[in-house]
Amino acid sequence: MKLVVGTNVIEMDKSLILSMARIGDFNCNGHFLVSVYSGERNIPHFHVIKMQSGEECCPRIDCPEYFVHDGKDYKLNSKEKKHLCKFLNTVSPYEEDCNKTYYELIWEEWNRNNREYRISKPESVPDYTQLN
């Protein structure tokens, strides 16, 4: 199945598209999609997909570490990390999101879509510029 974001098209497994909560997207050296999947493992994380190449990484929600699994091993460069931090701290412009930041939406969607691995709300957004 093809996922279209803006003018970018990538091939993705249909079951992944149907089980993902799209959080939003940002631009830096290309277009990045941020999402949370359902039916995940017990390590709370979100997906950052580089749309041009389909490369993907999974930062943890609770700390600035990558969770590498299933070939999702892309490493953001320093500029991309800064843009990710800015994105996560931005309040969603959509009224239905009730003035929440994208990071808060990630946390909510993780708990909604992975009920067996729910996590407490973090006190603050981890410093993802420290991802390594």
Protein backbone atom coordinates (compact mmCIF):
# COMPACT_ATOMS: atom_id res chain seq x y z
CA MET A 1 0.00 0.00 0.00
CA LYS A 2 1.24 3.50 -0.74
CA LEU A 3 1.24 6.28 1.84
CA VAL A 4 1.07 9.78 0.39
CA VAL A 5 2.23 12.76 2.46
CA GLY A 6 2.33 16.01 0.53
CA THR A 7 4.07 15.14 -2.72
CA ASN A 8 5.93 12.14 -1.21
CA VAL A 9 4.83 8.56 -1.75
CA ILE A 10 6.32 5.60 0.10
CA GLU A 11 5.44 1.92 0.12
CA MET A 12 4.28 0.66 3.51
CA ASP A 13 2.70 -2.52 4.77
CA LYS A 14 -1.09 -2.04 4.74
CA SER A 15 -1.43 -3.34 8.32
CA LEU A 16 1.04 -0.68 9.54
CA ILE A 17 -0.87 2.14 7.88
CA LEU A 18 -4.16 0.94 9.33
CA SER A 19 -2.69 0.65 12.85
CA MET A 20 -0.86 3.96 13.02
CA ALA A 21 -1.84 7.24 14.61
CA ARG A 22 -0.37 10.04 12.55
CA ILE A 23 0.86 12.78 14.88
CA GLY A 24 2.20 15.27 12.33
CA ASP A 25 5.17 16.07 10.16
CA PHE A 26 8.10 18.46 9.88
CA ASN A 27 10.67 19.48 7.29
CA CYS A 28 14.44 19.33 7.62
CA ASN A 29 16.65 18.04 4.82
CA GLY A 30 13.41 16.56 3.53
CA HIS A 31 10.03 15.63 4.88
CA PHE A 32 9.55 13.60 8.11
CA LEU A 33 6.36 11.91 9.31
CA VAL A 34 5.85 11.28 13.05
CA SER A 35 3.48 8.53 14.14
CA VAL A 36 2.61 6.03 16.85
CA TYR A 37 1.66 2.44 16.03
CA SER A 38 -0.64 0.13 17.91
CA GLY A 39 0.29 -3.39 18.95
CA GLU A 40 3.85 -2.39 19.85
CA ARG A 41 6.35 -3.91 22.24
CA ASN A 42 6.79 -2.86 25.86
CA ILE A 43 9.26 -0.02 25.15
CA PRO A 44 7.33 3.26 24.67
CA HIS A 45 8.45 4.89 21.44
CA PHE A 46 7.28 6.75 18.37
CA HIS A 47 8.26 6.49 14.73
CA VAL A 48 10.01 9.16 12.67
CA ILE A 49 9.96 8.32 8.97
CA LYS A 50 12.13 10.13 6.41
CA MET A 51 9.64 10.23 3.56
CA GLN A 52 12.04 10.48 0.62
CA SER A 53 13.89 7.28 1.51
CA GLY A 54 11.50 5.43 3.82
CA GLU A 55 14.25 5.28 6.45
CA GLU A 56 12.88 5.20 9.95
CA CYS A 57 13.96 5.64 13.55
CA CYS A 58 12.14 5.12 16.83
CA PRO A 59 12.96 7.53 19.65
CA ARG A 60 11.72 6.43 23.06
CA ILE A 61 8.97 8.54 24.64
CA ASP A 62 10.42 8.46 28.14
CA CYS A 63 14.10 9.28 27.42
CA PRO A 64 16.35 10.49 24.61
CA GLU A 65 17.34 7.05 23.33
CA TYR A 66 16.62 5.14 20.14
CA PHE A 67 14.69 1.89 20.26
CA VAL A 68 16.11 -0.05 17.32
CA HIS A 69 13.83 -2.83 16.09
CA ASP A 70 12.75 -4.46 12.85
CA GLY A 71 15.33 -2.57 10.76
CA LYS A 72 14.27 0.84 12.03
CA ASP A 73 17.81 2.05 12.63
CA TYR A 74 18.05 5.47 10.96
CA LYS A 75 20.01 7.99 13.06
CA LEU A 76 18.91 11.62 12.93
CA ASN A 77 21.71 14.12 12.35
CA SER A 78 22.10 17.12 14.68
CA LYS A 79 20.01 19.44 12.50
CA GLU A 80 17.20 16.87 12.24
CA LYS A 81 17.28 16.36 16.03
CA LYS A 82 16.83 20.11 16.57
CA HIS A 83 13.88 20.20 14.18
CA LEU A 84 12.34 17.18 15.91
CA CYS A 85 12.65 18.96 19.30
CA LYS A 86 11.04 22.09 17.92
CA PHE A 87 8.22 20.02 16.40
CA LEU A 88 7.58 18.09 19.64
CA ASN A 89 7.35 21.28 21.69
CA THR A 90 4.97 22.95 19.23
CA VAL A 91 1.29 23.16 20.11
CA SER A 92 -0.84 21.39 17.54
CA PRO A 93 -2.78 23.92 15.42
CA TYR A 94 -5.85 21.68 15.30
CA GLU A 95 -8.73 22.65 17.57
CA GLU A 96 -9.61 19.04 18.36
CA ASP A 97 -6.13 18.57 19.88
CA CYS A 98 -7.09 20.98 22.73
CA ASN A 99 -3.91 23.08 22.71
CA LYS A 100 -1.62 20.11 23.33
CA THR A 101 1.95 19.84 22.10
CA TYR A 102 2.84 17.16 19.59
CA TYR A 103 4.79 15.43 22.37
CA GLU A 104 1.66 15.28 24.54
CA LEU A 105 -0.24 13.82 21.60
CA ILE A 106 2.43 11.14 21.17
CA TRP A 107 2.11 10.18 24.83
CA GLU A 108 -1.70 10.06 24.60
CA GLU A 109 -1.68 8.00 21.41
CA TRP A 110 0.87 5.57 22.84
CA ASN A 111 -1.41 4.92 25.83
CA ARG A 112 -4.53 4.74 23.65
CA ASN A 113 -3.00 2.35 21.12
CA ASN A 114 -0.82 0.24 23.44
CA ARG A 115 -3.00 -0.17 26.51
CA GLU A 116 -1.04 -3.13 27.89
CA TYR A 117 2.10 -0.94 28.01
CA ARG A 118 0.65 2.35 29.27
CA ILE A 119 3.10 4.85 30.74
CA SER A 120 2.78 7.76 33.17
CA LYS A 121 2.89 11.23 31.69
CA PRO A 122 6.51 12.44 31.60
CA GLU A 123 7.18 15.65 33.51
CA SER A 124 8.88 17.22 30.51
CA VAL A 125 9.90 16.54 26.94
CA PRO A 126 13.20 14.65 26.82
CA ASP A 127 16.09 16.51 25.16
CA TYR A 128 16.14 14.66 21.87
CA THR A 129 19.21 16.61 20.72
CA GLN A 130 20.98 14.06 22.97
CA LEU A 131 19.86 11.05 20.89
CA ASN A 132 22.77 8.79 20.04
